Amino acid sequence: MNLYGLIGYPLTHSFSKRYFTDKFTREKIRESSYELFEMKSLDELPALLKKKSGLRGLNVTIPYKKDVIAYLDDLDDSSAERIGAVNTIKIYADGSTKGFNTDYYGFRQSLVEWLDRRGETCSNFQALILGNGGAAKAVQVALQDLHVEYLTVSRQKSDDSILYEALTEDILKSHLLIINTTPLGTFPKTEECPPVNYDWIGKGHFLYDLVYNPAETLFLKNGAAHGAVVQNGLKMLELQAEKAWEIWTTEENIWSV
């Protein structure tokens, strides 16, 4: 039995388990299953790798996308090493592990497709990235490769981000692509959203939320109420999941975008 799974904490709901279970049934993929491995600490990961002999691959979610790197034998230099975060782990027959970042692929591809459907190109925008965690790192690198200028906004000021309190009307009106990479608004805490002034958002804005549950977060509702075009993270998740499956099941992994 080939086993795949998701590590993170907490795992109150899982797109990945549902997606891969349905995929196995739909595509008649035999002798494969997907499980949730909730971990209060990454110190539990080595024991999991030893215990589960059929484990072939893992997805990684909040809050471990950065810290898991220290537990891996190798990193894909074209994704995970560049980004500094991992959301996919391949486990080889000898037990060695290699980290990848399929968030990059899922976000980049879904963003390009979304804007193309709206008759837009990425290079026409300046972007705001809300949040500065592991998912934000993938978004930053994707925007760099798409030649999109961006500003990162976080609750804690750093050398490469500003505070939410520093967001002015001029900044919001000049950055028409706003991407939420935080978990704010995720079920069951659907009443939460990033603390931006939504009165400064208008018809020229495009709001992209990496959150997919609920389908329309409060962040997206607030944007749509002021005329913005909105998109949730479901397509990104589907794309990154398929890229993860390709990594797990391909003998030689050649990264391509």
C-alpha atoms as a PDB file:
ATOM      1  CA  MET A   1       0.000   0.000   0.000  1.00  0.00           C
ATOM      2  CA  ASN A   2       1.363   3.388  -1.008  1.00  0.00           C
ATOM      3  CA  LEU A   3       0.595   5.928   1.685  1.00  0.00           C
ATOM      4  CA  TYR A   4       0.479   9.712   1.357  1.00  0.00           C
ATOM      5  CA  GLY A   5      -0.541  12.301   3.905  1.00  0.00           C
ATOM      6  CA  LEU A   6      -0.655  15.780   5.354  1.00  0.00           C
ATOM      7  CA  ILE A   7       1.262  17.139   8.357  1.00  0.00           C
ATOM      8  CA  GLY A   8       0.402  20.333  10.213  1.00  0.00           C
ATOM      9  CA  TYR A   9      -1.389  21.631  13.280  1.00  0.00           C
ATOM     10  CA  PRO A  10      -4.264  21.879  13.708  1.00  0.00           C
ATOM     11  CA  LEU A  11      -5.831  19.829  10.936  1.00  0.00           C
ATOM     12  CA  THR A  12      -9.470  20.725  11.539  1.00  0.00           C
ATOM     13  CA  HIS A  13     -10.321  20.215   7.865  1.00  0.00           C
ATOM     14  CA  SER A  14      -8.391  18.975   4.881  1.00  0.00           C
ATOM     15  CA  PHE A  15      -8.709  19.780   1.206  1.00  0.00           C
ATOM     16  CA  SER A  16      -5.836  17.386   0.504  1.00  0.00           C
ATOM     17  CA  LYS A  17      -7.406  14.264   2.026  1.00  0.00           C
ATOM     18  CA  ARG A  18     -10.686  14.815   0.218  1.00  0.00           C
ATOM     19  CA  TYR A  19      -8.962  15.696  -3.052  1.00  0.00           C
ATOM     20  CA  PHE A  20      -6.630  12.700  -3.162  1.00  0.00           C
ATOM     21  CA  THR A  21      -9.234  10.228  -1.889  1.00  0.00           C
ATOM     22  CA  ASP A  22     -11.550  11.348  -4.707  1.00  0.00           C
ATOM     23  CA  LYS A  23      -8.663  11.236  -7.174  1.00  0.00           C
ATOM     24  CA  PHE A  24      -7.792   7.648  -6.238  1.00  0.00           C
ATOM     25  CA  THR A  25     -11.415   6.593  -6.760  1.00  0.00           C
ATOM     26  CA  ARG A  26     -11.983   8.597  -9.940  1.00  0.00           C
ATOM     27  CA  GLU A  27      -8.776   7.506 -11.653  1.00  0.00           C
ATOM     28  CA  LYS A  28      -8.895   3.943 -10.298  1.00  0.00           C
ATOM     29  CA  ILE A  29      -5.532   4.336  -8.574  1.00  0.00           C
ATOM     30  CA  ARG A  30      -5.182   1.159  -6.539  1.00  0.00           C
ATOM     31  CA  GLU A  31      -3.226   0.379  -3.384  1.00  0.00           C
ATOM     32  CA  SER A  32      -2.999   4.044  -2.413  1.00  0.00           C
ATOM     33  CA  SER A  33      -4.440   6.006   0.502  1.00  0.00           C
ATOM     34  CA  TYR A  34      -4.129   9.457   2.056  1.00  0.00           C
ATOM     35  CA  GLU A  35      -4.139  10.181   5.794  1.00  0.00           C
ATOM     36  CA  LEU A  36      -3.921  13.145   8.140  1.00  0.00           C
ATOM     37  CA  PHE A  37      -0.993  13.290  10.570  1.00  0.00           C
ATOM     38  CA  GLU A  38      -1.658  16.095  13.017  1.00  0.00           C
ATOM     39  CA  MET A  39       1.540  17.094  14.822  1.00  0.00           C
ATOM     40  CA  LYS A  40       1.868  19.444  17.747  1.00  0.00           C
ATOM     41  CA  SER A  41       5.613  19.468  17.082  1.00  0.00           C
ATOM     42  CA  LEU A  42       7.797  18.614  14.103  1.00  0.00           C
ATOM     43  CA  ASP A  43       9.848  16.480  16.472  1.00  0.00           C
ATOM     44  CA  GLU A  44       7.199  13.845  15.720  1.00  0.00           C
ATOM     45  CA  LEU A  45       8.152  13.712  12.029  1.00  0.00           C
ATOM     46  CA  PRO A  46      11.202  11.367  12.235  1.00  0.00           C
ATOM     47  CA  ALA A  47       9.135   8.791  14.142  1.00  0.00           C
ATOM     48  CA  LEU A  48       6.375   8.976  11.527  1.00  0.00           C
ATOM     49  CA  LEU A  49       8.864   8.393   8.718  1.00  0.00           C
ATOM     50  CA  LYS A  50      10.244   5.320  10.485  1.00  0.00           C
ATOM     51  CA  LYS A  51       6.873   3.918  11.519  1.00  0.00           C
ATOM     52  CA  LYS A  52       5.060   4.190   8.187  1.00  0.00           C
ATOM     53  CA  SER A  53       7.061   1.990   5.824  1.00  0.00           C
ATOM     54  CA  GLY A  54       4.707   2.580   2.899  1.00  0.00           C
ATOM     55  CA  LEU A  55       4.866   6.361   3.155  1.00  0.00           C
ATOM     56  CA  ARG A  56       5.707   7.836  -0.250  1.00  0.00           C
ATOM     57  CA  GLY A  57       4.911  11.515   0.140  1.00  0.00           C
ATOM     58  CA  LEU A  58       3.648  14.222   2.447  1.00  0.00           C
ATOM     59  CA  ASN A  59       2.006  17.593   2.082  1.00  0.00           C
ATOM     60  CA  VAL A  60       2.951  20.236   4.648  1.00  0.00           C
ATOM     61  CA  THR A  61       0.637  22.954   5.906  1.00  0.00           C
ATOM     62  CA  ILE A  62       0.555  25.678   8.582  1.00  0.00           C
ATOM     63  CA  PRO A  63       2.616  26.223  10.680  1.00  0.00           C
ATOM     64  CA  TYR A  64       5.459  24.003   9.453  1.00  0.00           C
ATOM     65  CA  LYS A  65       6.257  25.080   5.882  1.00  0.00           C
ATOM     66  CA  LYS A  66       9.480  26.831   6.905  1.00  0.00           C
ATOM     67  CA  ASP A  67      10.595  24.813   9.925  1.00  0.00           C
ATOM     68  CA  VAL A  68      10.236  21.422   8.209  1.00  0.00           C
ATOM     69  CA  ILE A  69      13.285  22.178   6.077  1.00  0.00           C
ATOM     70  CA  ALA A  70      15.586  21.345   8.998  1.00  0.00           C
ATOM     71  CA  TYR A  71      14.181  17.792   9.050  1.00  0.00           C
ATOM     72  CA  LEU A  72      14.768  17.004   5.365  1.00  0.00           C
ATOM     73  CA  ASP A  73      17.728  15.448   3.579  1.00  0.00           C
ATOM     74  CA  ASP A  74      17.515  17.561   0.430  1.00  0.00           C
ATOM     75  CA  LEU A  75      15.694  20.490  -1.169  1.00  0.00           C
ATOM     76  CA  ASP A  76      14.614  21.139  -4.726  1.00  0.00           C
ATOM     77  CA  ASP A  77      16.760  24.099  -5.692  1.00  0.00           C
ATOM     78  CA  SER A  78      14.316  25.483  -8.256  1.00  0.00           C
ATOM     79  CA  SER A  79      11.387  25.719  -5.832  1.00  0.00           C
ATOM     80  CA  ALA A  80      11.831  25.048  -2.120  1.00  0.00           C
ATOM     81  CA  GLU A  81      15.388  26.352  -1.783  1.00  0.00           C
ATOM     82  CA  ARG A  82      14.560  29.606  -3.589  1.00  0.00           C
ATOM     83  CA  ILE A  83      11.430  30.166  -1.534  1.00  0.00           C
ATOM     84  CA  GLY A  84      12.643  28.965   1.845  1.00  0.00           C
ATOM     85  CA  ALA A  85       9.467  26.973   2.461  1.00  0.00           C
ATOM     86  CA  VAL A  86       8.258  23.438   1.720  1.00  0.00           C
ATOM     87  CA  ASN A  87       4.731  22.153   1.200  1.00  0.00           C
ATOM     88  CA  THR A  88       5.529  18.824  -0.484  1.00  0.00           C
ATOM     89  CA  ILE A  89       7.913  16.086   0.637  1.00  0.00           C
ATOM     90  CA  LYS A  90       8.954  13.153  -1.520  1.00  0.00           C
ATOM     91  CA  ILE A  91      10.070  10.035   0.355  1.00  0.00           C
ATOM     92  CA  TYR A  92      12.385   7.755  -1.612  1.00  0.00           C
ATOM     93  CA  ALA A  93      12.730   3.987  -1.355  1.00  0.00           C
ATOM     94  CA  ASP A  94      15.809   4.309   0.848  1.00  0.00           C
ATOM     95  CA  GLY A  95      13.905   6.527   3.304  1.00  0.00           C
ATOM     96  CA  SER A  96      15.594   9.782   2.291  1.00  0.00           C
ATOM     97  CA  THR A  97      13.469  12.897   1.901  1.00  0.00           C
ATOM     98  CA  LYS A  98      13.402  15.859  -0.460  1.00  0.00           C
ATOM     99  CA  GLY A  99      11.364  19.041  -0.087  1.00  0.00           C
ATOM    100  CA  PHE A 100       9.535  20.871  -2.868  1.00  0.00           C
ATOM    101  CA  ASN A 101       7.248  23.876  -3.051  1.00  0.00           C
ATOM    102  CA  THR A 102       4.208  23.325  -5.254  1.00  0.00           C
ATOM    103  CA  ASP A 103       2.465  26.408  -3.822  1.00  0.00           C
ATOM    104  CA  TYR A 104       4.645  28.396  -6.206  1.00  0.00           C
ATOM    105  CA  TYR A 105       3.358  26.521  -9.240  1.00  0.00           C
ATOM    106  CA  GLY A 106      -0.273  26.504  -8.066  1.00  0.00           C
ATOM    107  CA  PHE A 107      -0.343  30.219  -7.302  1.00  0.00           C
ATOM    108  CA  ARG A 108       1.543  31.364 -10.388  1.00  0.00           C
ATOM    109  CA  GLN A 109      -0.479  29.280 -12.817  1.00  0.00           C
ATOM    110  CA  SER A 110      -3.843  30.127 -11.267  1.00  0.00           C
ATOM    111  CA  LEU A 111      -3.033  33.859 -11.146  1.00  0.00           C
ATOM    112  CA  VAL A 112      -1.991  33.982 -14.801  1.00  0.00           C
ATOM    113  CA  GLU A 113      -5.097  32.052 -15.888  1.00  0.00           C
ATOM    114  CA  TRP A 114      -7.421  34.220 -13.773  1.00  0.00           C
ATOM    115  CA  LEU A 115      -6.067  37.521 -15.053  1.00  0.00           C
ATOM    116  CA  ASP A 116      -5.992  36.237 -18.615  1.00  0.00           C
ATOM    117  CA  ARG A 117      -9.707  35.402 -18.415  1.00  0.00           C
ATOM    118  CA  ARG A 118     -10.311  38.984 -17.285  1.00  0.00           C
ATOM    119  CA  GLY A 119      -8.315  40.360 -20.223  1.00  0.00           C
ATOM    120  CA  GLU A 120      -5.413  41.421 -18.004  1.00  0.00           C
ATOM    121  CA  THR A 121      -1.721  40.604 -17.746  1.00  0.00           C
ATOM    122  CA  CYS A 122       0.296  40.351 -14.544  1.00  0.00           C
ATOM    123  CA  SER A 123       2.787  43.016 -15.576  1.00  0.00           C
ATOM    124  CA  ASN A 124       0.017  45.635 -15.506  1.00  0.00           C
ATOM    125  CA  PHE A 125      -0.224  45.429 -11.710  1.00  0.00           C
ATOM    126  CA  GLN A 126       1.512  46.381  -8.522  1.00  0.00           C
ATOM    127  CA  ALA A 127       0.615  43.966  -5.736  1.00  0.00           C
ATOM    128  CA  LEU A 128       0.101  43.880  -1.995  1.00  0.00           C
ATOM    129  CA  ILE A 129       0.893  40.592  -0.273  1.00  0.00           C
ATOM    130  CA  LEU A 130      -0.951  40.286   3.032  1.00  0.00           C
ATOM    131  CA  GLY A 131       1.027  38.074   5.404  1.00  0.00           C
ATOM    132  CA  ASN A 132       4.659  37.014   5.609  1.00  0.00           C
ATOM    133  CA  GLY A 133       4.552  33.265   6.304  1.00  0.00           C
ATOM    134  CA  GLY A 134       5.503  30.233   4.227  1.00  0.00           C
ATOM    135  CA  ALA A 135       2.727  30.706   1.674  1.00  0.00           C
ATOM    136  CA  ALA A 136       3.688  34.356   1.263  1.00  0.00           C
ATOM    137  CA  LYS A 137       7.227  33.350   0.344  1.00  0.00           C
ATOM    138  CA  ALA A 138       5.938  31.266  -2.571  1.00  0.00           C
ATOM    139  CA  VAL A 139       3.750  34.165  -3.726  1.00  0.00           C
ATOM    140  CA  GLN A 140       6.685  36.581  -3.526  1.00  0.00           C
ATOM    141  CA  VAL A 141       8.908  34.419  -5.726  1.00  0.00           C
ATOM    142  CA  ALA A 142       6.088  33.832  -8.221  1.00  0.00           C
ATOM    143  CA  LEU A 143       5.456  37.569  -8.520  1.00  0.00           C
ATOM    144  CA  GLN A 144       9.170  38.217  -8.952  1.00  0.00           C
ATOM    145  CA  ASP A 145       9.272  35.740 -11.832  1.00  0.00           C
ATOM    146  CA  LEU A 146       6.188  37.386 -13.357  1.00  0.00           C
ATOM    147  CA  HIS A 147       7.868  40.827 -13.060  1.00  0.00           C
ATOM    148  CA  VAL A 148       5.190  42.148 -10.708  1.00  0.00           C
ATOM    149  CA  GLU A 149       6.289  44.760  -8.173  1.00  0.00           C
ATOM    150  CA  TYR A 150       4.901  44.030  -4.719  1.00  0.00           C
ATOM    151  CA  LEU A 151       4.800  45.243  -1.139  1.00  0.00           C
ATOM    152  CA  THR A 152       4.431  42.811   1.757  1.00  0.00           C
ATOM    153  CA  VAL A 153       2.191  43.745   4.689  1.00  0.00           C
ATOM    154  CA  SER A 154       2.424  42.010   8.055  1.00  0.00           C
ATOM    155  CA  ARG A 155       1.407  42.347  11.685  1.00  0.00           C
ATOM    156  CA  GLN A 156       5.103  42.552  12.572  1.00  0.00           C
ATOM    157  CA  LYS A 157       7.404  45.001  10.826  1.00  0.00           C
ATOM    158  CA  SER A 158      10.523  43.603   9.216  1.00  0.00           C
ATOM    159  CA  ASP A 159      13.136  44.650   6.692  1.00  0.00           C
ATOM    160  CA  ASP A 160      10.964  43.369   3.835  1.00  0.00           C
ATOM    161  CA  SER A 161       7.455  44.261   5.050  1.00  0.00           C
ATOM    162  CA  ILE A 162       5.355  47.085   6.457  1.00  0.00           C
ATOM    163  CA  LEU A 163       2.678  47.097   9.124  1.00  0.00           C
ATOM    164  CA  TYR A 164      -1.027  47.130   8.288  1.00  0.00           C
ATOM    165  CA  GLU A 165      -1.197  50.465  10.095  1.00  0.00           C
ATOM    166  CA  ALA A 166       1.142  51.913   7.476  1.00  0.00           C
ATOM    167  CA  LEU A 167      -1.247  51.215   4.600  1.00  0.00           C
ATOM    168  CA  THR A 168      -2.405  54.553   3.224  1.00  0.00           C
ATOM    169  CA  GLU A 169      -5.130  55.323   0.727  1.00  0.00           C
ATOM    170  CA  ASP A 170      -2.463  56.088  -1.881  1.00  0.00           C
ATOM    171  CA  ILE A 171      -0.796  52.707  -1.358  1.00  0.00           C
ATOM    172  CA  LEU A 172      -4.054  50.796  -1.660  1.00  0.00           C
ATOM    173  CA  LYS A 173      -5.160  52.703  -4.737  1.00  0.00           C
ATOM    174  CA  SER A 174      -1.849  52.186  -6.518  1.00  0.00           C
ATOM    175  CA  HIS A 175      -1.599  48.457  -5.691  1.00  0.00           C
ATOM    176  CA  LEU A 176      -4.577  46.980  -7.519  1.00  0.00           C
ATOM    177  CA  LEU A 177      -3.729  43.307  -6.955  1.00  0.00           C
ATOM    178  CA  ILE A 178      -4.157  42.318  -3.300  1.00  0.00           C
ATOM    179  CA  ILE A 179      -3.294  38.776  -2.228  1.00  0.00           C
ATOM    180  CA  ASN A 180      -4.221  37.372   1.171  1.00  0.00           C
ATOM    181  CA  THR A 181      -1.745  34.664   2.208  1.00  0.00           C
ATOM    182  CA  THR A 182      -2.855  34.575   5.856  1.00  0.00           C
ATOM    183  CA  PRO A 183      -5.332  32.024   7.292  1.00  0.00           C
ATOM    184  CA  LEU A 184      -7.659  34.841   8.399  1.00  0.00           C
ATOM    185  CA  GLY A 185     -11.233  33.999   7.449  1.00  0.00           C
ATOM    186  CA  THR A 186     -10.714  30.261   7.222  1.00  0.00           C
ATOM    187  CA  PHE A 187     -13.564  28.084   8.509  1.00  0.00           C
ATOM    188  CA  PRO A 188     -14.670  28.037  11.297  1.00  0.00           C
ATOM    189  CA  LYS A 189     -13.433  31.586  12.048  1.00  0.00           C
ATOM    190  CA  THR A 190     -15.190  33.059   9.037  1.00  0.00           C
ATOM    191  CA  GLU A 191     -15.804  36.433  10.695  1.00  0.00           C
ATOM    192  CA  GLU A 192     -12.111  37.360  10.462  1.00  0.00           C
ATOM    193  CA  CYS A 193     -10.320  39.184   7.647  1.00  0.00           C
ATOM    194  CA  PRO A 194      -7.089  41.106   7.093  1.00  0.00           C
ATOM    195  CA  PRO A 195      -7.289  44.590   8.697  1.00  0.00           C
ATOM    196  CA  VAL A 196      -7.194  46.811   5.620  1.00  0.00           C
ATOM    197  CA  ASN A 197      -9.477  49.764   4.899  1.00  0.00           C
ATOM    198  CA  TYR A 198     -11.904  48.259   2.391  1.00  0.00           C
ATOM    199  CA  ASP A 199     -13.411  51.684   1.686  1.00  0.00           C
ATOM    200  CA  TRP A 200     -10.238  52.392  -0.305  1.00  0.00           C
ATOM    201  CA  ILE A 201     -10.831  49.399  -2.570  1.00  0.00           C
ATOM    202  CA  GLY A 202     -12.752  49.918  -5.813  1.00  0.00           C
ATOM    203  CA  LYS A 203     -13.654  48.595  -9.244  1.00  0.00           C
ATOM    204  CA  GLY A 204     -10.061  48.486 -10.473  1.00  0.00           C
ATOM    205  CA  HIS A 205      -8.933  46.089  -7.750  1.00  0.00           C
ATOM    206  CA  PHE A 206      -8.349  42.343  -8.000  1.00  0.00           C
ATOM    207  CA  LEU A 207      -8.487  40.457  -4.676  1.00  0.00           C
ATOM    208  CA  TYR A 208      -7.021  36.956  -4.503  1.00  0.00           C
ATOM    209  CA  ASP A 209      -7.454  34.903  -1.314  1.00  0.00           C
ATOM    210  CA  LEU A 210      -5.392  31.757  -0.832  1.00  0.00           C
ATOM    211  CA  VAL A 211      -8.121  30.586   1.570  1.00  0.00           C
ATOM    212  CA  TYR A 212     -10.643  28.276  -0.106  1.00  0.00           C
ATOM    213  CA  ASN A 213     -12.971  27.389   2.788  1.00  0.00           C
ATOM    214  CA  PRO A 214     -15.352  29.182   2.773  1.00  0.00           C
ATOM    215  CA  ALA A 215     -15.478  29.789  -0.975  1.00  0.00           C
ATOM    216  CA  GLU A 216     -16.109  33.484  -0.327  1.00  0.00           C
ATOM    217  CA  THR A 217     -14.217  34.775   2.683  1.00  0.00           C
ATOM    218  CA  LEU A 218     -15.000  38.023   4.453  1.00  0.00           C
ATOM    219  CA  PHE A 219     -11.934  39.477   2.708  1.00  0.00           C
ATOM    220  CA  LEU A 220     -13.472  38.659  -0.679  1.00  0.00           C
ATOM    221  CA  LYS A 221     -16.966  39.752   0.366  1.00  0.00           C
ATOM    222  CA  ASN A 222     -15.653  43.139   1.470  1.00  0.00           C
ATOM    223  CA  GLY A 223     -13.770  43.570  -1.779  1.00  0.00           C
ATOM    224  CA  ALA A 224     -16.699  42.523  -3.962  1.00  0.00           C
ATOM    225  CA  ALA A 225     -18.998  44.911  -2.082  1.00  0.00           C
ATOM    226  CA  HIS A 226     -16.763  47.765  -3.261  1.00  0.00           C
ATOM    227  CA  GLY A 227     -16.619  46.572  -6.863  1.00  0.00           C
ATOM    228  CA  ALA A 228     -13.420  44.506  -6.834  1.00  0.00           C
ATOM    229  CA  VAL A 229     -12.984  41.312  -8.862  1.00  0.00           C
ATOM    230  CA  VAL A 230     -12.343  38.381  -6.507  1.00  0.00           C
ATOM    231  CA  GLN A 231     -10.848  34.886  -6.630  1.00  0.00           C
ATOM    232  CA  ASN A 232     -10.412  32.220  -3.934  1.00  0.00           C
ATOM    233  CA  GLY A 233      -7.625  29.673  -3.563  1.00  0.00           C
ATOM    234  CA  LEU A 234      -9.380  26.519  -4.783  1.00  0.00           C
ATOM    235  CA  LYS A 235      -7.800  26.473  -8.239  1.00  0.00           C
ATOM    236  CA  MET A 236      -4.375  27.078  -6.718  1.00  0.00           C
ATOM    237  CA  LEU A 237      -4.877  24.123  -4.387  1.00  0.00           C
ATOM    238  CA  GLU A 238      -5.945  21.827  -7.207  1.00  0.00           C
ATOM    239  CA  LEU A 239      -2.924  22.800  -9.295  1.00  0.00           C
ATOM    240  CA  GLN A 240      -0.453  22.398  -6.430  1.00  0.00           C
ATOM    241  CA  ALA A 241      -1.982  19.022  -5.505  1.00  0.00           C
ATOM    242  CA  GLU A 242      -1.540  17.708  -9.040  1.00  0.00           C
ATOM    243  CA  LYS A 243       2.047  18.966  -9.076  1.00  0.00           C
ATOM    244  CA  ALA A 244       2.656  17.166  -5.764  1.00  0.00           C
ATOM    245  CA  TRP A 245       1.248  13.938  -7.232  1.00  0.00           C
ATOM    246  CA  GLU A 246       3.549  14.305 -10.225  1.00  0.00           C
ATOM    247  CA  ILE A 247       6.527  14.697  -7.878  1.00  0.00           C
ATOM    248  CA  TRP A 248       5.571  11.686  -5.760  1.00  0.00           C
ATOM    249  CA  THR A 249       4.985   9.342  -8.690  1.00  0.00           C
ATOM    250  CA  THR A 250       7.667  10.390 -11.181  1.00  0.00           C
ATOM    251  CA  GLU A 251      11.025   8.668 -10.877  1.00  0.00           C
ATOM    252  CA  GLU A 252      13.009  11.642 -12.092  1.00  0.00           C
ATOM    253  CA  ASN A 253      11.533  14.977 -11.102  1.00  0.00           C
ATOM    254  CA  ILE A 254      12.175  17.709 -13.638  1.00  0.00           C
ATOM    255  CA  TRP A 255      10.742  20.969 -12.348  1.00  0.00           C
ATOM    256  CA  SER A 256       9.019  23.028 -14.998  1.00  0.00           C
ATOM    257  CA  VAL A 257       6.632  25.974 -14.878  1.00  0.00           C
END
